[in-house]
Amino acid sequence: MADKEDPQYPVGYKKPPRHTQFKPGMSGNAKGRPKGAKNFATVIEKELRTRIEVTENGKRISKRQAIAKQTVNRAAAGDPKATSTLLNEARFQESQNQLPVTQTPVTGAEDQMVMENILQRIRLSQPFYLNPESHSEAPSEDESSTSIEPNEGER
């Protein structure tokens, strides 16, 4: 089915007829969300940031702080639902606050020497068959009875 304006324009998958395409400067959802309208998360965040007067000390704290204070107090009083909510939130916060482990390359000769020394100590403390430097099979019975002692300078 060819377009009336341009007979060379192919109509098909991902190629709608020109008369149904959006015109320049025209939105695809003309009656959509008006400019400046806030989404639900933004409205909730704004409400949680508003300050209220607390009768306990006469201070002004945010609603978020008041909710946290109530949840902690209920959990301390033994409310199992508040305890569960509080512990789940604490676990979530701890998982979010963990720093990623990044490996920095060993650059200096002294650093390289320290790392090799540590690796040698680890290898000496492992059983023979776990040692990556040995490419032979598991030790025989007479080899397994002897222990590998570290050198005098490595203790």
N, C-alpha and C. Protein backbone atom coordinates (compact mmCIF):
# COMPACT_ATOMS: atom_id res chain seq x y z
N MET A 1 0.84 -1.16 0.00
CA MET A 1 0.00 0.00 0.00
C MET A 1 0.89 1.23 0.00
N ALA A 2 0.90 1.99 -1.02
CA ALA A 2 1.78 3.14 -1.20
C ALA A 2 1.13 4.40 -0.66
N ASP A 3 1.96 5.34 -0.19
CA ASP A 3 1.50 6.63 0.30
C ASP A 3 1.13 7.51 -0.89
N LYS A 4 0.06 8.31 -0.75
CA LYS A 4 -0.40 9.14 -1.86
C LYS A 4 0.58 10.26 -2.17
N GLU A 5 1.26 10.81 -1.14
CA GLU A 5 2.17 11.93 -1.35
C GLU A 5 3.46 11.50 -2.01
N ASP A 6 4.01 10.37 -1.63
CA ASP A 6 5.30 9.91 -2.14
C ASP A 6 5.15 8.45 -2.56
N PRO A 7 5.03 8.19 -3.82
CA PRO A 7 4.83 6.79 -4.24
C PRO A 7 6.05 5.91 -3.98
N GLN A 8 7.25 6.50 -3.74
CA GLN A 8 8.45 5.71 -3.49
C GLN A 8 8.58 5.30 -2.01
N TYR A 9 7.80 5.90 -1.10
CA TYR A 9 7.89 5.60 0.33
C TYR A 9 7.24 4.26 0.63
N PRO A 10 8.04 3.29 1.15
CA PRO A 10 7.46 1.98 1.46
C PRO A 10 6.74 2.02 2.81
N VAL A 11 5.56 1.53 2.89
CA VAL A 11 4.78 1.45 4.12
C VAL A 11 4.86 0.02 4.61
N GLY A 12 5.15 -0.15 5.88
CA GLY A 12 5.25 -1.49 6.44
C GLY A 12 5.71 -1.44 7.88
N TYR A 13 6.43 -2.48 8.31
CA TYR A 13 6.90 -2.59 9.68
C TYR A 13 7.81 -1.41 10.01
N LYS A 14 7.47 -0.68 11.07
CA LYS A 14 8.18 0.52 11.54
C LYS A 14 8.20 1.64 10.51
N LYS A 15 7.31 1.62 9.57
CA LYS A 15 7.21 2.67 8.56
C LYS A 15 5.74 2.99 8.34
N PRO A 16 5.15 3.80 9.26
CA PRO A 16 3.72 4.11 9.12
C PRO A 16 3.49 5.08 7.96
N PRO A 17 2.27 5.15 7.49
CA PRO A 17 1.97 6.12 6.44
C PRO A 17 2.28 7.53 6.92
N ARG A 18 2.71 8.40 6.05
CA ARG A 18 3.14 9.75 6.43
C ARG A 18 2.01 10.55 7.09
N HIS A 19 0.79 10.35 6.68
CA HIS A 19 -0.29 11.16 7.24
C HIS A 19 -0.60 10.77 8.69
N THR A 20 -0.13 9.60 9.18
CA THR A 20 -0.36 9.21 10.57
C THR A 20 0.85 9.47 11.46
N GLN A 21 1.97 9.90 10.89
CA GLN A 21 3.17 10.17 11.69
C GLN A 21 3.00 11.48 12.46
N PHE A 22 3.76 11.62 13.57
CA PHE A 22 3.70 12.86 14.35
C PHE A 22 4.25 14.01 13.51
N LYS A 23 3.59 15.14 13.62
CA LYS A 23 4.07 16.34 12.93
C LYS A 23 5.17 16.97 13.78
N PRO A 24 6.12 17.71 13.20
CA PRO A 24 7.18 18.37 13.97
C PRO A 24 6.59 19.29 15.03
N GLY A 25 7.08 19.17 16.26
CA GLY A 25 6.63 20.01 17.36
C GLY A 25 5.35 19.54 18.01
N MET A 26 4.81 18.43 17.58
CA MET A 26 3.55 17.91 18.12
C MET A 26 3.84 16.69 18.99
N SER A 27 3.23 16.64 20.16
CA SER A 27 3.45 15.55 21.08
C SER A 27 2.66 14.32 20.67
N GLY A 28 3.14 13.17 21.07
CA GLY A 28 2.42 11.94 20.81
C GLY A 28 1.26 11.75 21.77
N ASN A 29 1.30 12.46 22.90
CA ASN A 29 0.22 12.38 23.89
C ASN A 29 -0.15 13.82 24.26
N ALA A 30 -0.93 14.44 23.41
CA ALA A 30 -1.24 15.86 23.58
C ALA A 30 -1.96 16.16 24.88
N LYS A 31 -2.79 15.26 25.37
CA LYS A 31 -3.53 15.50 26.62
C LYS A 31 -2.88 14.76 27.79
N GLY A 32 -1.58 14.51 27.70
CA GLY A 32 -0.88 13.78 28.75
C GLY A 32 -0.63 14.63 29.97
N ARG A 33 0.30 14.23 30.79
CA ARG A 33 0.61 14.92 32.03
C ARG A 33 1.01 16.36 31.73
N PRO A 34 0.38 17.32 32.39
CA PRO A 34 0.74 18.72 32.13
C PRO A 34 2.12 19.05 32.71
N LYS A 35 2.74 20.07 32.16
CA LYS A 35 4.05 20.49 32.65
C LYS A 35 3.94 20.92 34.10
N GLY A 36 4.94 20.56 34.87
CA GLY A 36 4.96 20.92 36.27
C GLY A 36 4.22 19.96 37.18
N ALA A 37 3.50 19.00 36.63
CA ALA A 37 2.81 18.02 37.46
C ALA A 37 3.84 17.08 38.06
N LYS A 38 3.69 16.78 39.33
CA LYS A 38 4.65 15.94 40.03
C LYS A 38 4.18 14.49 40.01
N ASN A 39 5.13 13.58 39.97
CA ASN A 39 4.76 12.17 40.08
C ASN A 39 4.61 11.82 41.55
N PHE A 40 4.10 10.64 41.82
CA PHE A 40 3.77 10.25 43.18
C PHE A 40 5.00 10.25 44.10
N ALA A 41 6.12 9.74 43.60
CA ALA A 41 7.33 9.67 44.42
C ALA A 41 7.79 11.07 44.83
N THR A 42 7.66 12.04 43.94
CA THR A 42 8.07 13.41 44.26
C THR A 42 7.16 14.01 45.32
N VAL A 43 5.86 13.76 45.21
CA VAL A 43 4.91 14.28 46.20
C VAL A 43 5.17 13.66 47.57
N ILE A 44 5.40 12.35 47.60
CA ILE A 44 5.69 11.67 48.88
C ILE A 44 6.97 12.24 49.49
N GLU A 45 8.01 12.40 48.68
CA GLU A 45 9.28 12.93 49.17
C GLU A 45 9.10 14.33 49.76
N LYS A 46 8.31 15.16 49.09
CA LYS A 46 8.07 16.51 49.58
C LYS A 46 7.35 16.47 50.92
N GLU A 47 6.34 15.61 51.04
CA GLU A 47 5.61 15.49 52.30
C GLU A 47 6.49 14.98 53.43
N LEU A 48 7.38 14.04 53.12
CA LEU A 48 8.26 13.51 54.16
C LEU A 48 9.26 14.55 54.64
N ARG A 49 9.58 15.51 53.77
CA ARG A 49 10.54 16.56 54.16
C ARG A 49 9.90 17.69 54.96
N THR A 50 8.57 17.82 54.94
CA THR A 50 7.94 18.91 55.68
C THR A 50 8.15 18.71 57.17
N ARG A 51 8.28 19.82 57.86
CA ARG A 51 8.57 19.78 59.30
C ARG A 51 7.29 19.89 60.10
N ILE A 52 7.26 19.16 61.22
CA ILE A 52 6.12 19.21 62.13
C ILE A 52 6.64 19.49 63.53
N GLU A 53 5.75 19.97 64.40
CA GLU A 53 6.11 20.26 65.79
C GLU A 53 5.94 18.98 66.60
N VAL A 54 6.97 18.61 67.34
CA VAL A 54 6.91 17.41 68.18
C VAL A 54 6.69 17.86 69.60
N THR A 55 5.71 17.28 70.27
CA THR A 55 5.38 17.71 71.63
C THR A 55 6.39 17.21 72.66
N GLU A 56 7.17 16.23 72.30
CA GLU A 56 8.15 15.62 73.21
C GLU A 56 9.16 16.65 73.71
N ASN A 57 9.80 17.35 72.79
CA ASN A 57 10.81 18.33 73.16
C ASN A 57 10.47 19.73 72.65
N GLY A 58 9.35 19.87 71.98
CA GLY A 58 9.00 21.16 71.41
C GLY A 58 9.82 21.51 70.19
N LYS A 59 10.57 20.54 69.64
CA LYS A 59 11.40 20.79 68.46
C LYS A 59 10.59 20.55 67.20
N ARG A 60 11.12 21.05 66.10
CA ARG A 60 10.51 20.78 64.79
C ARG A 60 11.39 19.76 64.09
N ILE A 61 10.78 18.63 63.70
CA ILE A 61 11.49 17.60 62.96
C ILE A 61 10.67 17.26 61.72
N SER A 62 11.30 16.60 60.77
CA SER A 62 10.57 16.22 59.55
C SER A 62 9.63 15.06 59.85
N LYS A 63 8.65 14.89 58.98
CA LYS A 63 7.72 13.78 59.14
C LYS A 63 8.46 12.45 59.01
N ARG A 64 9.49 12.42 58.17
CA ARG A 64 10.29 11.21 58.02
C ARG A 64 10.94 10.84 59.36
N GLN A 65 11.48 11.84 60.05
CA GLN A 65 12.10 11.56 61.36
C GLN A 65 11.05 11.10 62.36
N ALA A 66 9.85 11.68 62.31
CA ALA A 66 8.79 11.28 63.23
C ALA A 66 8.38 9.83 62.98
N ILE A 67 8.27 9.45 61.71
CA ILE A 67 7.92 8.07 61.38
C ILE A 67 9.00 7.11 61.85
N ALA A 68 10.26 7.50 61.63
CA ALA A 68 11.37 6.65 62.08
C ALA A 68 11.36 6.52 63.59
N LYS A 69 11.11 7.62 64.30
CA LYS A 69 11.08 7.60 65.76
C LYS A 69 9.96 6.69 66.26
N GLN A 70 8.78 6.80 65.65
CA GLN A 70 7.65 5.95 66.05
C GLN A 70 7.93 4.48 65.77
N THR A 71 8.52 4.19 64.63
CA THR A 71 8.82 2.80 64.29
C THR A 71 9.82 2.20 65.26
N VAL A 72 10.86 2.95 65.57
CA VAL A 72 11.87 2.46 66.51
C VAL A 72 11.26 2.27 67.89
N ASN A 73 10.44 3.22 68.35
CA ASN A 73 9.82 3.10 69.67
C ASN A 73 8.87 1.90 69.74
N ARG A 74 8.10 1.66 68.68
CA ARG A 74 7.21 0.50 68.66
C ARG A 74 7.99 -0.80 68.64
N ALA A 75 9.09 -0.82 67.87
CA ALA A 75 9.92 -2.03 67.83
C ALA A 75 10.54 -2.29 69.20
N ALA A 76 10.97 -1.22 69.88
CA ALA A 76 11.56 -1.37 71.22
C ALA A 76 10.51 -1.84 72.22
N ALA A 77 9.25 -1.49 71.99
CA ALA A 77 8.18 -1.91 72.89
C ALA A 77 7.76 -3.35 72.63
N GLY A 78 8.24 -3.95 71.53
CA GLY A 78 7.96 -5.35 71.27
C GLY A 78 6.98 -5.61 70.15
N ASP A 79 6.62 -4.61 69.37
CA ASP A 79 5.71 -4.80 68.25
C ASP A 79 6.44 -5.58 67.16
N PRO A 80 6.00 -6.83 66.84
CA PRO A 80 6.73 -7.64 65.86
C PRO A 80 6.71 -7.06 64.45
N LYS A 81 5.62 -6.40 64.07
CA LYS A 81 5.54 -5.82 62.73
C LYS A 81 6.53 -4.65 62.60
N ALA A 82 6.61 -3.81 63.62
CA ALA A 82 7.55 -2.69 63.60
C ALA A 82 8.98 -3.21 63.63
N THR A 83 9.22 -4.26 64.38
CA THR A 83 10.57 -4.85 64.44
C THR A 83 10.98 -5.37 63.08
N SER A 84 10.07 -6.09 62.43
CA SER A 84 10.36 -6.63 61.10
C SER A 84 10.64 -5.50 60.11
N THR A 85 9.81 -4.47 60.13
CA THR A 85 10.00 -3.33 59.22
C THR A 85 11.34 -2.67 59.48
N LEU A 86 11.67 -2.46 60.74
CA LEU A 86 12.91 -1.79 61.10
C LEU A 86 14.14 -2.61 60.70
N LEU A 87 14.11 -3.91 60.95
CA LEU A 87 15.24 -4.76 60.59
C LEU A 87 15.41 -4.86 59.08
N ASN A 88 14.31 -4.95 58.35
CA ASN A 88 14.41 -4.99 56.88
C ASN A 88 15.02 -3.70 56.34
N GLU A 89 14.61 -2.58 56.88
CA GLU A 89 15.16 -1.30 56.43
C GLU A 89 16.63 -1.19 56.80
N ALA A 90 16.99 -1.66 57.99
CA ALA A 90 18.40 -1.61 58.42
C ALA A 90 19.26 -2.48 57.50
N ARG A 91 18.77 -3.68 57.15
CA ARG A 91 19.52 -4.54 56.23
C ARG A 91 19.68 -3.88 54.87
N PHE A 92 18.61 -3.27 54.40
CA PHE A 92 18.67 -2.61 53.09
C PHE A 92 19.69 -1.47 53.12
N GLN A 93 19.67 -0.66 54.18
CA GLN A 93 20.61 0.45 54.28
C GLN A 93 22.05 -0.04 54.37
N GLU A 94 22.27 -1.13 55.09
CA GLU A 94 23.62 -1.68 55.19
C GLU A 94 24.11 -2.18 53.85
N SER A 95 23.23 -2.82 53.08
CA SER A 95 23.64 -3.32 51.77
C SER A 95 23.91 -2.17 50.81
N GLN A 96 23.22 -1.05 50.97
CA GLN A 96 23.44 0.11 50.10
C GLN A 96 24.72 0.85 50.47
N ASN A 97 25.12 0.78 51.73
CA ASN A 97 26.27 1.54 52.19
C ASN A 97 27.60 0.81 52.07
N GLN A 98 27.57 -0.45 51.62
CA GLN A 98 28.83 -1.18 51.48
C GLN A 98 29.62 -0.62 50.32
N LEU A 99 30.89 -0.38 50.58
CA LEU A 99 31.76 0.15 49.54
C LEU A 99 32.18 -0.97 48.60
N PRO A 100 32.20 -0.71 47.31
CA PRO A 100 32.65 -1.74 46.39
C PRO A 100 34.14 -2.03 46.57
N VAL A 101 34.47 -3.29 46.47
CA VAL A 101 35.87 -3.70 46.61
C VAL A 101 36.55 -3.51 45.26
N THR A 102 37.53 -2.65 45.24
CA THR A 102 38.26 -2.42 44.00
C THR A 102 39.68 -2.91 44.17
N GLN A 103 40.19 -3.52 43.15
CA GLN A 103 41.55 -4.01 43.20
C GLN A 103 42.46 -2.98 42.56
N THR A 104 43.47 -2.58 43.33
CA THR A 104 44.44 -1.66 42.77
C THR A 104 45.65 -2.48 42.36
N PRO A 105 46.22 -2.18 41.23
CA PRO A 105 47.36 -2.97 40.78
C PRO A 105 48.58 -2.75 41.68
N VAL A 106 49.33 -3.81 41.85
CA VAL A 106 50.57 -3.74 42.62
C VAL A 106 51.61 -3.12 41.70
N THR A 107 52.09 -1.94 42.05
CA THR A 107 52.97 -1.23 41.13
C THR A 107 54.42 -1.24 41.57
N GLY A 108 54.68 -1.02 42.84
CA GLY A 108 56.07 -0.91 43.29
C GLY A 108 56.73 -2.26 43.48
N ALA A 109 58.05 -2.25 43.44
CA ALA A 109 58.81 -3.48 43.64
C ALA A 109 58.63 -3.99 45.07
N GLU A 110 58.55 -3.07 46.02
CA GLU A 110 58.37 -3.47 47.41
C GLU A 110 56.98 -4.11 47.60
N ASP A 111 55.96 -3.52 46.98
CA ASP A 111 54.62 -4.09 47.04
C ASP A 111 54.59 -5.48 46.43
N GLN A 112 55.25 -5.64 45.30
CA GLN A 112 55.30 -6.93 44.63
C GLN A 112 55.98 -7.97 45.52
N MET A 113 57.05 -7.58 46.20
CA MET A 113 57.76 -8.49 47.08
C MET A 113 56.87 -8.92 48.25
N VAL A 114 56.11 -7.97 48.82
CA VAL A 114 55.22 -8.28 49.93
C VAL A 114 54.13 -9.25 49.47
N MET A 115 53.55 -9.00 48.29
CA MET A 115 52.49 -9.87 47.78
C MET A 115 53.03 -11.28 47.52
N GLU A 116 54.21 -11.39 46.96
CA GLU A 116 54.80 -12.72 46.72
C GLU A 116 55.05 -13.45 48.02
N ASN A 117 55.48 -12.73 49.05
CA ASN A 117 55.73 -13.32 50.36
C ASN A 117 54.42 -13.84 50.95
N ILE A 118 53.35 -13.06 50.82
CA ILE A 118 52.05 -13.48 51.34
C ILE A 118 51.57 -14.72 50.60
N LEU A 119 51.69 -14.72 49.28
CA LEU A 119 51.28 -15.89 48.50
C LEU A 119 52.09 -17.13 48.88
N GLN A 120 53.37 -16.96 49.12
CA GLN A 120 54.20 -18.10 49.49
C GLN A 120 53.75 -18.66 50.84
N ARG A 121 53.42 -17.79 51.78
CA ARG A 121 52.94 -18.25 53.09
C ARG A 121 51.62 -19.00 52.95
N ILE A 122 50.74 -18.50 52.10
CA ILE A 122 49.45 -19.17 51.90
C ILE A 122 49.67 -20.54 51.29
N ARG A 123 50.54 -20.61 50.30
CA ARG A 123 50.80 -21.89 49.64
C ARG A 123 51.44 -22.89 50.59
N LEU A 124 52.30 -22.43 51.48
CA LEU A 124 52.92 -23.33 52.44
C LEU A 124 51.94 -23.82 53.48
N SER A 125 50.90 -23.05 53.76
CA SER A 125 49.93 -23.46 54.78
C SER A 125 48.88 -24.40 54.22
N GLN A 126 48.74 -24.50 52.88
CA GLN A 126 47.74 -25.37 52.27
C GLN A 126 48.29 -26.79 52.14
N PRO A 127 47.38 -27.77 52.13
CA PRO A 127 47.82 -29.14 51.86
C PRO A 127 48.46 -29.23 50.48
N PHE A 128 49.29 -30.24 50.31
CA PHE A 128 50.08 -30.38 49.09
C PHE A 128 49.21 -30.40 47.83
N TYR A 129 48.09 -31.11 47.89
CA TYR A 129 47.27 -31.27 46.69
C TYR A 129 46.51 -29.99 46.32
N LEU A 130 46.45 -28.97 47.19
CA LEU A 130 45.82 -27.70 46.86
C LEU A 130 46.82 -26.67 46.37
N ASN A 131 48.09 -27.00 46.41
CA ASN A 131 49.13 -26.07 46.00
C ASN A 131 49.08 -25.89 44.49
N PRO A 132 48.83 -24.68 43.98
CA PRO A 132 48.72 -24.50 42.52
C PRO A 132 50.03 -24.67 41.78
N GLU A 133 51.17 -24.57 42.48
CA GLU A 133 52.46 -24.71 41.80
C GLU A 133 52.78 -26.16 41.48
N SER A 134 52.16 -27.09 42.23
CA SER A 134 52.42 -28.50 41.96
C SER A 134 51.43 -28.99 40.92
N HIS A 135 51.91 -29.59 39.86
CA HIS A 135 51.05 -30.06 38.79
C HIS A 135 50.91 -31.57 38.82
N SER A 136 51.41 -32.21 39.87
CA SER A 136 51.31 -33.65 39.95
C SER A 136 50.02 -34.03 40.66
N GLU A 137 49.76 -35.31 40.74
CA GLU A 137 48.54 -35.80 41.37
C GLU A 137 48.68 -35.72 42.88
N ALA A 138 47.72 -36.23 43.61
CA ALA A 138 47.72 -36.20 45.07
C ALA A 138 48.96 -36.93 45.59
N PRO A 139 49.46 -36.52 46.75
CA PRO A 139 50.68 -37.14 47.27
C PRO A 139 50.45 -38.59 47.67
N SER A 140 51.52 -39.34 47.60
CA SER A 140 51.45 -40.73 48.03
C SER A 140 51.47 -40.75 49.55
N GLU A 141 51.31 -41.95 50.15
CA GLU A 141 51.22 -42.05 51.60
C GLU A 141 52.49 -41.59 52.28
N ASP A 142 53.68 -41.93 51.74
CA ASP A 142 54.93 -41.55 52.40
C ASP A 142 55.18 -40.04 52.23
N GLU A 143 54.68 -39.39 51.15
CA GLU A 143 54.86 -37.95 50.99
C GLU A 143 53.93 -37.17 51.90
N SER A 144 52.74 -37.70 52.19
CA SER A 144 51.77 -36.97 52.98
C SER A 144 52.17 -36.92 54.45
N SER A 145 53.05 -37.84 54.91
CA SER A 145 53.44 -37.83 56.31
C SER A 145 54.47 -36.74 56.61
N THR A 146 55.17 -36.26 55.59
CA THR A 146 56.14 -35.20 55.82
C THR A 146 55.45 -33.86 55.73
N SER A 147 55.82 -32.94 56.59
CA SER A 147 55.20 -31.62 56.57
C SER A 147 56.18 -30.62 55.96
N ILE A 148 55.63 -29.61 55.37
CA ILE A 148 56.45 -28.56 54.76
C ILE A 148 56.62 -27.46 55.79
N GLU A 149 57.83 -27.20 56.18
CA GLU A 149 58.13 -26.18 57.18
C GLU A 149 58.56 -24.90 56.47
N PRO A 150 58.11 -23.74 56.93
CA PRO A 150 58.58 -22.50 56.33
C PRO A 150 60.02 -22.22 56.72
N ASN A 151 60.70 -21.45 55.91
CA ASN A 151 62.08 -21.10 56.18
C ASN A 151 62.17 -20.26 57.44
N GLU A 152 63.37 -20.18 58.02
CA GLU A 152 63.58 -19.44 59.25
C GLU A 152 63.18 -17.97 59.11
N GLY A 153 63.50 -17.34 57.98
CA GLY A 153 63.25 -15.91 57.80
C GLY A 153 61.78 -15.57 57.59
N GLU A 154 60.91 -16.56 57.36
CA GLU A 154 59.51 -16.30 57.06
C GLU A 154 58.62 -16.41 58.26
N ARG A 155 59.13 -16.76 59.41
CA ARG A 155 58.29 -16.94 60.60
C ARG A 155 57.99 -15.63 61.25
